[in-house]
Each structure stands twice: as C-alpha cells, then as structure tokens.
Amino acid sequence: MDKGGYKIRNQSAIHFITFAVVEWIDVFTRKQYRDIVVESIKHCQDKRGLLLHCWCIMSNHLHLIASAQNSDLSDILRDFKKFTSKQIIKAIEENKSESRREWMLRIFLEEGQKNSRNKNYQFWRQDNRPQELYSSTFIYQKMNYTHNNPVEAGIVERPEHYLYSSAKDYFHTKKCGLLDLVFL
C-alpha cells in the first residue's frame, strides 16, 4: 500500500474489490440478506453503469471484479455499500425470527459509534482494498481466488456448483447464473 492508501485511481480500469462485514459477522448465511446484495448489484448494473466481470458472496464478505461504463466506479461502490447496509440492517431489524438479531445489531451499533461518519450502524468494513487488475495474469489469479472461495470454505466441491457466484457462468461460458456478466 502506498502513502495514499487503497483507492481507485483509474476509474475506468477493472478492479478486484472485497467488501467484508464488520467483525466478519456471518450475515450472508441467510438467503434474505444475500438476495439484497444480488438485487442491489442488478440495480447498479441497470441504472449506474456497473460492469460486473466476476463475483462471489460468502458468509461474511463479497468479492467483485468490476469496472464502470461511463461512470465513476468509486461512486457506484460507495452508493452500493450505503444502500445495502441500510437495507440489510432494516431486514435484520424486521426479521423477528432472526435468532442473532439483537447480537448483530449491537455489534453494528458499536462499530457505527466508533466511526464519526456514521449516525447509527456500520455494516461494512471500510477497507475494501481495491486492486487494479493490470494484466491478464492478475485477472486470472483474482478470478480463480474468487471462484474457489466456496471450495476452500468447504461449501461445494466445485466452484461452478455454488449459486452465489459467477463460476457457473464461466464454466458454461454463457449466462446461467444470478447476475449478468461482462466476460473477461
């Protein structure tokens, strides 16, 4: 990391980005919360110019390989994080059958109070660590890493068997997953 920190300097480049939940809470073990992320990505694709190349939602984090079409990738990602955090917190608050509700909300509130930019809760960690993918080798490395996350976690035996990932699309080289892709 250089003196300026992790920032998207070339807004038109393809980047590898990881969004992690504060304290690495396993929020995305619930379909309801994963679906908020998927629908939010779809919105960013349809309305904001997000170009999605690769993705995977794990239990407590999300990997994206993305770029922006005629837009500012930083702005899209900032708005995505802001919207999804509010929607997921609201869903947790309203989910009376969520056994971890009070515990999660307490942690999100405590983390939010540590951050002067928040009024209440903080859902996402602030360190996305975007990495510009400057070569085909680096792109391939990050795609393999992203798609193999569920295998390494012991969730599936093969990357293309995981529903919340773009691995199936790349394995079949056609649209068959949950989100539209711009293939690399």
N, C-alpha and C. Protein backbone atom coordinates (compact mmCIF):
# COMPACT_ATOMS: atom_id res chain seq x y z
N MET A 1 0.85 -1.18 0.00
CA MET A 1 0.00 0.00 0.00
C MET A 1 0.88 1.23 0.00
N ASP A 2 0.56 2.19 -0.86
CA ASP A 2 1.34 3.42 -0.88
C ASP A 2 0.79 4.43 0.11
N LYS A 3 1.41 5.59 0.16
CA LYS A 3 1.05 6.63 1.13
C LYS A 3 -0.41 7.04 1.02
N GLY A 4 -0.97 7.02 -0.19
CA GLY A 4 -2.35 7.43 -0.39
C GLY A 4 -3.38 6.41 0.02
N GLY A 5 -2.98 5.22 0.43
CA GLY A 5 -3.93 4.19 0.83
C GLY A 5 -4.51 3.46 -0.36
N TYR A 6 -5.49 2.64 -0.07
CA TYR A 6 -6.16 1.87 -1.11
C TYR A 6 -7.27 2.72 -1.70
N LYS A 7 -7.11 3.14 -2.95
CA LYS A 7 -8.09 3.96 -3.63
C LYS A 7 -8.18 3.52 -5.08
N ILE A 8 -9.32 3.80 -5.66
CA ILE A 8 -9.47 3.56 -7.09
C ILE A 8 -8.99 4.82 -7.78
N ARG A 9 -7.84 4.71 -8.38
CA ARG A 9 -7.24 5.86 -9.04
C ARG A 9 -7.63 5.94 -10.52
N ASN A 10 -7.74 4.81 -11.17
CA ASN A 10 -8.14 4.75 -12.57
C ASN A 10 -9.58 4.26 -12.61
N GLN A 11 -10.52 5.18 -12.69
CA GLN A 11 -11.94 4.85 -12.59
C GLN A 11 -12.45 3.99 -13.74
N SER A 12 -11.74 3.95 -14.85
CA SER A 12 -12.19 3.15 -15.99
C SER A 12 -11.57 1.76 -16.01
N ALA A 13 -10.68 1.47 -15.11
CA ALA A 13 -10.00 0.17 -15.08
C ALA A 13 -10.85 -0.89 -14.38
N ILE A 14 -10.49 -2.13 -14.62
CA ILE A 14 -11.12 -3.26 -13.93
C ILE A 14 -10.44 -3.42 -12.58
N HIS A 15 -11.25 -3.61 -11.52
CA HIS A 15 -10.72 -3.73 -10.17
C HIS A 15 -11.26 -4.98 -9.46
N PHE A 16 -10.44 -5.52 -8.59
CA PHE A 16 -10.85 -6.56 -7.66
C PHE A 16 -11.15 -5.86 -6.34
N ILE A 17 -12.36 -6.09 -5.81
CA ILE A 17 -12.78 -5.41 -4.58
C ILE A 17 -13.38 -6.44 -3.64
N THR A 18 -13.09 -6.30 -2.37
CA THR A 18 -13.70 -7.14 -1.35
C THR A 18 -14.43 -6.26 -0.36
N PHE A 19 -15.69 -6.58 -0.12
CA PHE A 19 -16.48 -5.92 0.92
C PHE A 19 -16.67 -6.95 2.03
N ALA A 20 -16.26 -6.60 3.24
CA ALA A 20 -16.42 -7.51 4.37
C ALA A 20 -17.33 -6.87 5.41
N VAL A 21 -18.12 -7.69 6.06
CA VAL A 21 -19.00 -7.25 7.13
C VAL A 21 -18.14 -6.96 8.36
N VAL A 22 -18.49 -5.91 9.11
CA VAL A 22 -17.73 -5.58 10.32
C VAL A 22 -17.67 -6.81 11.23
N GLU A 23 -16.53 -6.95 11.87
CA GLU A 23 -16.27 -8.08 12.78
C GLU A 23 -16.48 -9.43 12.09
N TRP A 24 -16.50 -9.43 10.78
CA TRP A 24 -16.64 -10.64 9.97
C TRP A 24 -17.85 -11.48 10.40
N ILE A 25 -18.96 -10.79 10.71
CA ILE A 25 -20.19 -11.47 11.12
C ILE A 25 -20.76 -12.23 9.92
N ASP A 26 -21.17 -13.45 10.14
CA ASP A 26 -21.70 -14.31 9.08
C ASP A 26 -23.17 -13.97 8.76
N VAL A 27 -23.38 -12.80 8.22
CA VAL A 27 -24.73 -12.34 7.88
C VAL A 27 -25.30 -13.11 6.70
N PHE A 28 -24.47 -13.40 5.72
CA PHE A 28 -24.96 -13.96 4.47
C PHE A 28 -25.17 -15.47 4.51
N THR A 29 -25.31 -16.01 5.70
CA THR A 29 -25.76 -17.39 5.82
C THR A 29 -27.27 -17.46 5.56
N ARG A 30 -27.91 -16.30 5.57
CA ARG A 30 -29.35 -16.22 5.32
C ARG A 30 -29.60 -15.73 3.88
N LYS A 31 -30.43 -16.46 3.16
CA LYS A 31 -30.76 -16.13 1.77
C LYS A 31 -31.33 -14.72 1.64
N GLN A 32 -32.16 -14.32 2.56
CA GLN A 32 -32.79 -12.99 2.52
C GLN A 32 -31.76 -11.88 2.39
N TYR A 33 -30.66 -11.98 3.10
CA TYR A 33 -29.64 -10.93 3.10
C TYR A 33 -28.76 -11.03 1.84
N ARG A 34 -28.48 -12.25 1.40
CA ARG A 34 -27.73 -12.42 0.13
C ARG A 34 -28.52 -11.82 -1.03
N ASP A 35 -29.83 -12.04 -1.02
CA ASP A 35 -30.66 -11.55 -2.11
C ASP A 35 -30.70 -10.03 -2.17
N ILE A 36 -30.58 -9.36 -1.05
CA ILE A 36 -30.50 -7.89 -1.04
C ILE A 36 -29.25 -7.46 -1.82
N VAL A 37 -28.15 -8.15 -1.58
CA VAL A 37 -26.90 -7.83 -2.29
C VAL A 37 -27.05 -8.08 -3.78
N VAL A 38 -27.63 -9.21 -4.16
CA VAL A 38 -27.80 -9.54 -5.58
C VAL A 38 -28.69 -8.50 -6.26
N GLU A 39 -29.80 -8.15 -5.65
CA GLU A 39 -30.71 -7.16 -6.24
C GLU A 39 -30.05 -5.79 -6.33
N SER A 40 -29.23 -5.45 -5.38
CA SER A 40 -28.52 -4.16 -5.39
C SER A 40 -27.47 -4.13 -6.51
N ILE A 41 -26.80 -5.24 -6.72
CA ILE A 41 -25.84 -5.32 -7.84
C ILE A 41 -26.59 -5.16 -9.16
N LYS A 42 -27.74 -5.84 -9.28
CA LYS A 42 -28.54 -5.71 -10.50
C LYS A 42 -28.92 -4.25 -10.75
N HIS A 43 -29.32 -3.56 -9.70
CA HIS A 43 -29.68 -2.14 -9.83
C HIS A 43 -28.48 -1.33 -10.32
N CYS A 44 -27.33 -1.57 -9.73
CA CYS A 44 -26.12 -0.84 -10.13
C CYS A 44 -25.76 -1.14 -11.58
N GLN A 45 -26.01 -2.35 -12.03
CA GLN A 45 -25.75 -2.70 -13.43
C GLN A 45 -26.73 -1.98 -14.35
N ASP A 46 -28.01 -2.01 -13.99
CA ASP A 46 -29.06 -1.45 -14.85
C ASP A 46 -29.09 0.07 -14.87
N LYS A 47 -28.85 0.69 -13.71
CA LYS A 47 -29.06 2.13 -13.58
C LYS A 47 -27.79 2.96 -13.40
N ARG A 48 -26.69 2.32 -13.02
CA ARG A 48 -25.50 3.09 -12.67
C ARG A 48 -24.30 2.81 -13.56
N GLY A 49 -24.38 1.83 -14.41
CA GLY A 49 -23.27 1.54 -15.32
C GLY A 49 -22.21 0.61 -14.76
N LEU A 50 -22.55 -0.15 -13.72
CA LEU A 50 -21.60 -1.13 -13.18
C LEU A 50 -21.44 -2.27 -14.18
N LEU A 51 -20.20 -2.58 -14.50
CA LEU A 51 -19.88 -3.72 -15.34
C LEU A 51 -19.30 -4.80 -14.43
N LEU A 52 -20.02 -5.88 -14.30
CA LEU A 52 -19.62 -6.96 -13.41
C LEU A 52 -18.94 -8.05 -14.23
N HIS A 53 -17.73 -8.42 -13.82
CA HIS A 53 -16.96 -9.42 -14.55
C HIS A 53 -16.87 -10.74 -13.79
N CYS A 54 -16.95 -10.67 -12.48
CA CYS A 54 -16.78 -11.86 -11.63
C CYS A 54 -17.29 -11.49 -10.25
N TRP A 55 -17.88 -12.45 -9.53
CA TRP A 55 -18.39 -12.14 -8.19
C TRP A 55 -18.58 -13.42 -7.38
N CYS A 56 -18.66 -13.23 -6.07
CA CYS A 56 -18.96 -14.33 -5.15
C CYS A 56 -19.37 -13.75 -3.80
N ILE A 57 -20.50 -14.21 -3.29
CA ILE A 57 -20.93 -13.84 -1.94
C ILE A 57 -20.61 -14.99 -1.00
N MET A 58 -19.83 -14.72 0.02
CA MET A 58 -19.52 -15.71 1.04
C MET A 58 -20.33 -15.38 2.30
N SER A 59 -20.10 -16.06 3.40
CA SER A 59 -20.93 -15.86 4.60
C SER A 59 -20.76 -14.48 5.23
N ASN A 60 -19.60 -13.88 5.03
CA ASN A 60 -19.34 -12.59 5.70
C ASN A 60 -18.62 -11.58 4.81
N HIS A 61 -18.52 -11.88 3.54
CA HIS A 61 -17.87 -10.95 2.63
C HIS A 61 -18.31 -11.20 1.19
N LEU A 62 -17.96 -10.26 0.34
CA LEU A 62 -18.33 -10.28 -1.05
C LEU A 62 -17.12 -9.89 -1.88
N HIS A 63 -16.83 -10.66 -2.92
CA HIS A 63 -15.77 -10.32 -3.86
C HIS A 63 -16.40 -9.90 -5.18
N LEU A 64 -15.87 -8.84 -5.76
CA LEU A 64 -16.29 -8.39 -7.08
C LEU A 64 -15.06 -8.13 -7.93
N ILE A 65 -15.16 -8.46 -9.19
CA ILE A 65 -14.25 -7.92 -10.19
C ILE A 65 -15.17 -7.09 -11.07
N ALA A 66 -14.92 -5.77 -11.07
CA ALA A 66 -15.87 -4.86 -11.70
C ALA A 66 -15.17 -3.67 -12.31
N SER A 67 -15.90 -3.02 -13.18
CA SER A 67 -15.48 -1.75 -13.76
C SER A 67 -16.75 -0.93 -13.98
N ALA A 68 -16.58 0.27 -14.50
CA ALA A 68 -17.73 1.15 -14.71
C ALA A 68 -17.78 1.63 -16.15
N GLN A 69 -18.98 1.72 -16.65
CA GLN A 69 -19.20 2.20 -18.01
C GLN A 69 -19.61 3.68 -17.93
N ASN A 70 -18.74 4.55 -18.42
CA ASN A 70 -19.04 6.00 -18.44
C ASN A 70 -19.44 6.52 -17.07
N SER A 71 -18.80 6.05 -16.04
CA SER A 71 -19.18 6.44 -14.68
C SER A 71 -17.98 6.35 -13.77
N ASP A 72 -18.19 6.73 -12.54
CA ASP A 72 -17.15 6.70 -11.53
C ASP A 72 -17.35 5.46 -10.67
N LEU A 73 -16.46 4.48 -10.80
CA LEU A 73 -16.59 3.24 -10.05
C LEU A 73 -16.64 3.49 -8.55
N SER A 74 -15.86 4.42 -8.06
CA SER A 74 -15.87 4.73 -6.63
C SER A 74 -17.25 5.17 -6.16
N ASP A 75 -17.90 6.02 -6.95
CA ASP A 75 -19.24 6.50 -6.58
C ASP A 75 -20.25 5.36 -6.57
N ILE A 76 -20.17 4.49 -7.57
CA ILE A 76 -21.10 3.35 -7.63
C ILE A 76 -20.93 2.47 -6.40
N LEU A 77 -19.68 2.15 -6.07
CA LEU A 77 -19.42 1.26 -4.94
C LEU A 77 -19.80 1.90 -3.61
N ARG A 78 -19.53 3.19 -3.48
CA ARG A 78 -19.93 3.91 -2.26
C ARG A 78 -21.44 3.84 -2.08
N ASP A 79 -22.18 4.13 -3.14
CA ASP A 79 -23.63 4.12 -3.05
C ASP A 79 -24.17 2.70 -2.82
N PHE A 80 -23.53 1.72 -3.44
CA PHE A 80 -23.90 0.31 -3.23
C PHE A 80 -23.76 -0.06 -1.76
N LYS A 81 -22.62 0.28 -1.18
CA LYS A 81 -22.38 -0.04 0.23
C LYS A 81 -23.39 0.68 1.14
N LYS A 82 -23.64 1.93 0.85
CA LYS A 82 -24.57 2.70 1.68
C LYS A 82 -25.97 2.10 1.61
N PHE A 83 -26.44 1.81 0.40
CA PHE A 83 -27.78 1.26 0.22
C PHE A 83 -27.91 -0.12 0.84
N THR A 84 -26.97 -1.02 0.53
CA THR A 84 -27.08 -2.38 1.05
C THR A 84 -26.99 -2.42 2.56
N SER A 85 -26.14 -1.58 3.14
CA SER A 85 -26.05 -1.59 4.60
C SER A 85 -27.37 -1.20 5.23
N LYS A 86 -28.02 -0.17 4.69
CA LYS A 86 -29.32 0.25 5.24
C LYS A 86 -30.38 -0.83 5.05
N GLN A 87 -30.41 -1.43 3.87
CA GLN A 87 -31.43 -2.45 3.59
C GLN A 87 -31.22 -3.71 4.42
N ILE A 88 -29.98 -4.12 4.60
CA ILE A 88 -29.72 -5.33 5.38
C ILE A 88 -30.00 -5.08 6.85
N ILE A 89 -29.60 -3.94 7.37
CA ILE A 89 -29.90 -3.60 8.77
C ILE A 89 -31.41 -3.59 8.98
N LYS A 90 -32.13 -2.96 8.07
CA LYS A 90 -33.60 -2.91 8.17
C LYS A 90 -34.19 -4.32 8.14
N ALA A 91 -33.69 -5.16 7.26
CA ALA A 91 -34.19 -6.54 7.17
C ALA A 91 -33.91 -7.31 8.45
N ILE A 92 -32.75 -7.09 9.04
CA ILE A 92 -32.43 -7.75 10.31
C ILE A 92 -33.35 -7.25 11.41
N GLU A 93 -33.56 -5.94 11.46
CA GLU A 93 -34.44 -5.36 12.49
C GLU A 93 -35.86 -5.91 12.38
N GLU A 94 -36.34 -6.09 11.16
CA GLU A 94 -37.72 -6.53 10.94
C GLU A 94 -37.90 -8.04 10.98
N ASN A 95 -36.81 -8.78 10.97
CA ASN A 95 -36.88 -10.24 10.94
C ASN A 95 -36.99 -10.77 12.37
N LYS A 96 -38.22 -10.97 12.81
CA LYS A 96 -38.47 -11.42 14.19
C LYS A 96 -37.98 -12.84 14.43
N SER A 97 -37.77 -13.60 13.38
CA SER A 97 -37.28 -14.97 13.56
C SER A 97 -35.75 -15.05 13.47
N GLU A 98 -35.09 -13.91 13.30
CA GLU A 98 -33.62 -13.87 13.25
C GLU A 98 -33.06 -14.09 14.65
N SER A 99 -32.52 -15.26 14.90
CA SER A 99 -32.03 -15.61 16.24
C SER A 99 -30.85 -14.76 16.68
N ARG A 100 -30.13 -14.18 15.74
CA ARG A 100 -28.94 -13.40 16.07
C ARG A 100 -29.19 -11.90 16.02
N ARG A 101 -30.44 -11.51 15.88
CA ARG A 101 -30.81 -10.11 15.63
C ARG A 101 -30.21 -9.15 16.66
N GLU A 102 -30.49 -9.33 17.91
CA GLU A 102 -30.00 -8.40 18.93
C GLU A 102 -28.48 -8.35 18.98
N TRP A 103 -27.86 -9.49 18.88
CA TRP A 103 -26.39 -9.57 18.90
C TRP A 103 -25.78 -8.83 17.72
N MET A 104 -26.32 -9.07 16.50
CA MET A 104 -25.77 -8.41 15.32
C MET A 104 -26.00 -6.90 15.39
N LEU A 105 -27.19 -6.48 15.73
CA LEU A 105 -27.50 -5.05 15.79
C LEU A 105 -26.63 -4.34 16.83
N ARG A 106 -26.35 -5.01 17.94
CA ARG A 106 -25.48 -4.41 18.96
C ARG A 106 -24.07 -4.19 18.40
N ILE A 107 -23.55 -5.17 17.70
CA ILE A 107 -22.21 -5.04 17.11
C ILE A 107 -22.20 -3.95 16.04
N PHE A 108 -23.22 -3.93 15.17
CA PHE A 108 -23.29 -2.90 14.14
C PHE A 108 -23.39 -1.51 14.76
N LEU A 109 -24.11 -1.38 15.86
CA LEU A 109 -24.22 -0.10 16.55
C LEU A 109 -22.89 0.30 17.18
N GLU A 110 -22.24 -0.64 17.86
CA GLU A 110 -20.94 -0.35 18.47
C GLU A 110 -19.91 0.07 17.43
N GLU A 111 -19.90 -0.62 16.29
CA GLU A 111 -18.96 -0.26 15.21
C GLU A 111 -19.32 1.10 14.62
N GLY A 112 -20.59 1.39 14.50
CA GLY A 112 -21.03 2.68 13.99
C GLY A 112 -20.63 3.83 14.90
N GLN A 113 -20.67 3.60 16.19
CA GLN A 113 -20.30 4.64 17.15
C GLN A 113 -18.80 4.94 17.13
N LYS A 114 -18.01 4.01 16.65
CA LYS A 114 -16.57 4.23 16.53
C LYS A 114 -16.21 5.07 15.31
N ASN A 115 -17.16 5.22 14.39
CA ASN A 115 -16.90 5.90 13.13
C ASN A 115 -17.65 7.23 13.11
N SER A 116 -16.91 8.32 13.04
CA SER A 116 -17.52 9.65 13.08
C SER A 116 -18.40 9.94 11.86
N ARG A 117 -18.24 9.16 10.80
CA ARG A 117 -19.05 9.37 9.59
C ARG A 117 -20.41 8.68 9.66
N ASN A 118 -20.67 7.93 10.72
CA ASN A 118 -21.94 7.21 10.87
C ASN A 118 -22.79 7.88 11.93
N LYS A 119 -24.11 7.74 11.73
CA LYS A 119 -25.04 8.21 12.75
C LYS A 119 -25.44 7.07 13.67
N ASN A 120 -25.59 5.89 13.11
CA ASN A 120 -26.03 4.75 13.89
C ASN A 120 -25.16 3.52 13.65
N TYR A 121 -25.60 2.72 12.71
CA TYR A 121 -24.97 1.43 12.48
C TYR A 121 -23.87 1.50 11.41
N GLN A 122 -22.93 0.59 11.54
CA GLN A 122 -21.97 0.36 10.46
C GLN A 122 -22.04 -1.11 10.13
N PHE A 123 -22.32 -1.41 8.86
CA PHE A 123 -22.45 -2.79 8.42
C PHE A 123 -21.17 -3.28 7.75
N TRP A 124 -20.69 -2.52 6.75
CA TRP A 124 -19.49 -2.92 6.00
C TRP A 124 -18.23 -2.35 6.65
N ARG A 125 -17.18 -3.12 6.62
CA ARG A 125 -15.86 -2.60 6.99
C ARG A 125 -15.49 -1.54 5.95
N GLN A 126 -14.60 -0.66 6.29
CA GLN A 126 -14.25 0.42 5.39
C GLN A 126 -13.08 0.10 4.47
N ASP A 127 -12.40 -0.97 4.72
CA ASP A 127 -11.19 -1.29 3.95
C ASP A 127 -11.49 -2.25 2.80
N ASN A 128 -11.99 -1.71 1.68
CA ASN A 128 -12.30 -2.53 0.50
C ASN A 128 -11.05 -3.03 -0.19
N ARG A 129 -9.98 -2.28 -0.08
CA ARG A 129 -8.71 -2.60 -0.72
C ARG A 129 -8.84 -2.91 -2.21
N PRO A 130 -9.38 -1.97 -2.97
CA PRO A 130 -9.49 -2.22 -4.42
C PRO A 130 -8.11 -2.40 -5.05
N GLN A 131 -8.01 -3.37 -5.94
CA GLN A 131 -6.77 -3.63 -6.64
C GLN A 131 -7.04 -3.56 -8.14
N GLU A 132 -6.32 -2.68 -8.82
CA GLU A 132 -6.47 -2.58 -10.26
C GLU A 132 -5.88 -3.82 -10.91
N LEU A 133 -6.64 -4.43 -11.79
CA LEU A 133 -6.20 -5.64 -12.47
C LEU A 133 -5.55 -5.24 -13.79
N TYR A 134 -4.25 -5.13 -13.75
CA TYR A 134 -3.46 -4.53 -14.82
C TYR A 134 -2.96 -5.53 -15.86
N SER A 135 -3.14 -6.83 -15.62
CA SER A 135 -2.66 -7.82 -16.58
C SER A 135 -3.61 -9.01 -16.61
N SER A 136 -3.54 -9.78 -17.68
CA SER A 136 -4.40 -10.96 -17.79
C SER A 136 -4.03 -12.00 -16.72
N THR A 137 -2.77 -12.07 -16.36
CA THR A 137 -2.34 -12.99 -15.31
C THR A 137 -2.96 -12.61 -13.96
N PHE A 138 -2.95 -11.33 -13.65
CA PHE A 138 -3.52 -10.85 -12.38
C PHE A 138 -5.04 -11.05 -12.38
N ILE A 139 -5.70 -10.80 -13.51
CA ILE A 139 -7.14 -11.02 -13.63
C ILE A 139 -7.45 -12.50 -13.38
N TYR A 140 -6.73 -13.38 -14.04
CA TYR A 140 -6.95 -14.83 -13.89
C TYR A 140 -6.73 -15.27 -12.44
N GLN A 141 -5.71 -14.74 -11.79
CA GLN A 141 -5.43 -15.08 -10.39
C GLN A 141 -6.60 -14.68 -9.50
N LYS A 142 -7.11 -13.46 -9.67
CA LYS A 142 -8.21 -12.98 -8.83
C LYS A 142 -9.52 -13.69 -9.15
N MET A 143 -9.74 -14.05 -10.41
CA MET A 143 -10.94 -14.81 -10.75
C MET A 143 -10.90 -16.19 -10.11
N ASN A 144 -9.77 -16.85 -10.19
CA ASN A 144 -9.62 -18.17 -9.55
C ASN A 144 -9.82 -18.06 -8.04
N TYR A 145 -9.21 -17.06 -7.44
CA TYR A 145 -9.36 -16.85 -6.00
C TYR A 145 -10.84 -16.66 -5.64
N THR A 146 -11.52 -15.80 -6.39
CA THR A 146 -12.93 -15.51 -6.12
C THR A 146 -13.79 -16.76 -6.28
N HIS A 147 -13.64 -17.45 -7.39
CA HIS A 147 -14.47 -18.62 -7.66
C HIS A 147 -14.16 -19.80 -6.76
N ASN A 148 -12.94 -19.89 -6.27
CA ASN A 148 -12.57 -21.01 -5.40
C ASN A 148 -12.86 -20.76 -3.92
N ASN A 149 -13.32 -19.57 -3.56
CA ASN A 149 -13.65 -19.28 -2.17
C ASN A 149 -14.62 -20.31 -1.57
N PRO A 150 -15.73 -20.63 -2.24
CA PRO A 150 -16.66 -21.61 -1.66
C PRO A 150 -16.08 -23.02 -1.56
N VAL A 151 -15.16 -23.36 -2.45
CA VAL A 151 -14.49 -24.66 -2.39
C VAL A 151 -13.57 -24.69 -1.18
N GLU A 152 -12.77 -23.64 -1.03
CA GLU A 152 -11.84 -23.56 0.11
C GLU A 152 -12.58 -23.56 1.44
N ALA A 153 -13.80 -22.99 1.46
CA ALA A 153 -14.60 -22.94 2.69
C ALA A 153 -15.33 -24.25 2.95
N GLY A 154 -15.25 -25.20 2.02
CA GLY A 154 -15.91 -26.48 2.20
C GLY A 154 -17.40 -26.46 1.93
N ILE A 155 -17.87 -25.46 1.19
CA ILE A 155 -19.30 -25.35 0.91
C ILE A 155 -19.69 -26.22 -0.29
N VAL A 156 -18.85 -26.24 -1.30
CA VAL A 156 -19.08 -27.04 -2.50
C VAL A 156 -17.77 -27.73 -2.90
N GLU A 157 -17.88 -28.75 -3.72
CA GLU A 157 -16.68 -29.42 -4.21
C GLU A 157 -16.10 -28.75 -5.44
N ARG A 158 -16.99 -28.12 -6.24
CA ARG A 158 -16.55 -27.48 -7.48
C ARG A 158 -17.10 -26.06 -7.52
N PRO A 159 -16.32 -25.10 -7.96
CA PRO A 159 -16.75 -23.70 -7.96
C PRO A 159 -18.07 -23.46 -8.70
N GLU A 160 -18.29 -24.15 -9.81
CA GLU A 160 -19.49 -23.92 -10.61
C GLU A 160 -20.77 -24.44 -9.96
N HIS A 161 -20.65 -25.13 -8.83
CA HIS A 161 -21.82 -25.62 -8.10
C HIS A 161 -22.36 -24.59 -7.11
N TYR A 162 -21.65 -23.52 -6.90
CA TYR A 162 -22.07 -22.51 -5.91
C TYR A 162 -22.97 -21.48 -6.58
N LEU A 163 -24.18 -21.32 -6.07
CA LEU A 163 -25.19 -20.45 -6.68
C LEU A 163 -24.82 -18.97 -6.64
N TYR A 164 -24.24 -18.52 -5.54
CA TYR A 164 -23.96 -17.09 -5.36
C TYR A 164 -22.57 -16.71 -5.84
N SER A 165 -22.32 -17.02 -7.09
CA SER A 165 -21.02 -16.81 -7.70
C SER A 165 -21.17 -16.78 -9.21
N SER A 166 -20.18 -16.24 -9.88
CA SER A 166 -20.18 -16.23 -11.34
C SER A 166 -19.46 -17.45 -11.93
N ALA A 167 -18.99 -18.36 -11.09
CA ALA A 167 -18.23 -19.51 -11.59
C ALA A 167 -19.03 -20.34 -12.59
N LYS A 168 -20.32 -20.52 -12.34
CA LYS A 168 -21.18 -21.30 -13.24
C LYS A 168 -21.20 -20.67 -14.64
N ASP A 169 -21.28 -19.34 -14.69
CA ASP A 169 -21.29 -18.65 -15.98
C ASP A 169 -20.00 -18.91 -16.74
N TYR A 170 -18.87 -18.84 -16.05
CA TYR A 170 -17.58 -19.06 -16.71
C TYR A 170 -17.39 -20.52 -17.10
N PHE A 171 -17.89 -21.43 -16.28
CA PHE A 171 -17.76 -22.85 -16.58
C PHE A 171 -18.55 -23.20 -17.84
N HIS A 172 -19.75 -22.63 -17.97
CA HIS A 172 -20.60 -22.92 -19.12
C HIS A 172 -20.42 -21.90 -20.25
N THR A 173 -19.63 -20.86 -20.01
CA THR A 173 -19.37 -19.76 -20.94
C THR A 173 -20.65 -19.17 -21.54
N LYS A 174 -21.67 -19.06 -20.70
CA LYS A 174 -22.92 -18.42 -21.08
C LYS A 174 -23.64 -17.98 -19.81
N LYS A 175 -24.65 -17.14 -19.99
CA LYS A 175 -25.43 -16.66 -18.85
C LYS A 175 -26.26 -17.80 -18.28
N CYS A 176 -25.97 -18.17 -17.06
CA CYS A 176 -26.78 -19.18 -16.38
C CYS A 176 -26.83 -18.92 -14.88
N GLY A 177 -26.12 -17.89 -14.43
CA GLY A 177 -26.10 -17.54 -13.02
C GLY A 177 -27.12 -16.46 -12.68
N LEU A 178 -26.98 -15.89 -11.50
CA LEU A 178 -27.94 -14.91 -10.99
C LEU A 178 -27.75 -13.51 -11.55
N LEU A 179 -26.54 -13.17 -12.00
CA LEU A 179 -26.24 -11.81 -12.45
C LEU A 179 -25.66 -11.82 -13.85
N ASP A 180 -25.92 -10.75 -14.57
CA ASP A 180 -25.32 -10.58 -15.90
C ASP A 180 -23.84 -10.25 -15.76
N LEU A 181 -23.05 -10.75 -16.67
CA LEU A 181 -21.61 -10.55 -16.64
C LEU A 181 -21.10 -9.97 -17.94
N VAL A 182 -20.00 -9.28 -17.83
CA VAL A 182 -19.18 -8.90 -18.98
C VAL A 182 -17.95 -9.80 -18.86
N PHE A 183 -17.90 -10.81 -19.70
CA PHE A 183 -16.85 -11.83 -19.59
C PHE A 183 -15.48 -11.24 -19.91
N LEU A 184 -14.48 -11.71 -19.18
CA LEU A 184 -13.09 -11.29 -19.40
C LEU A 184 -12.34 -12.32 -20.22
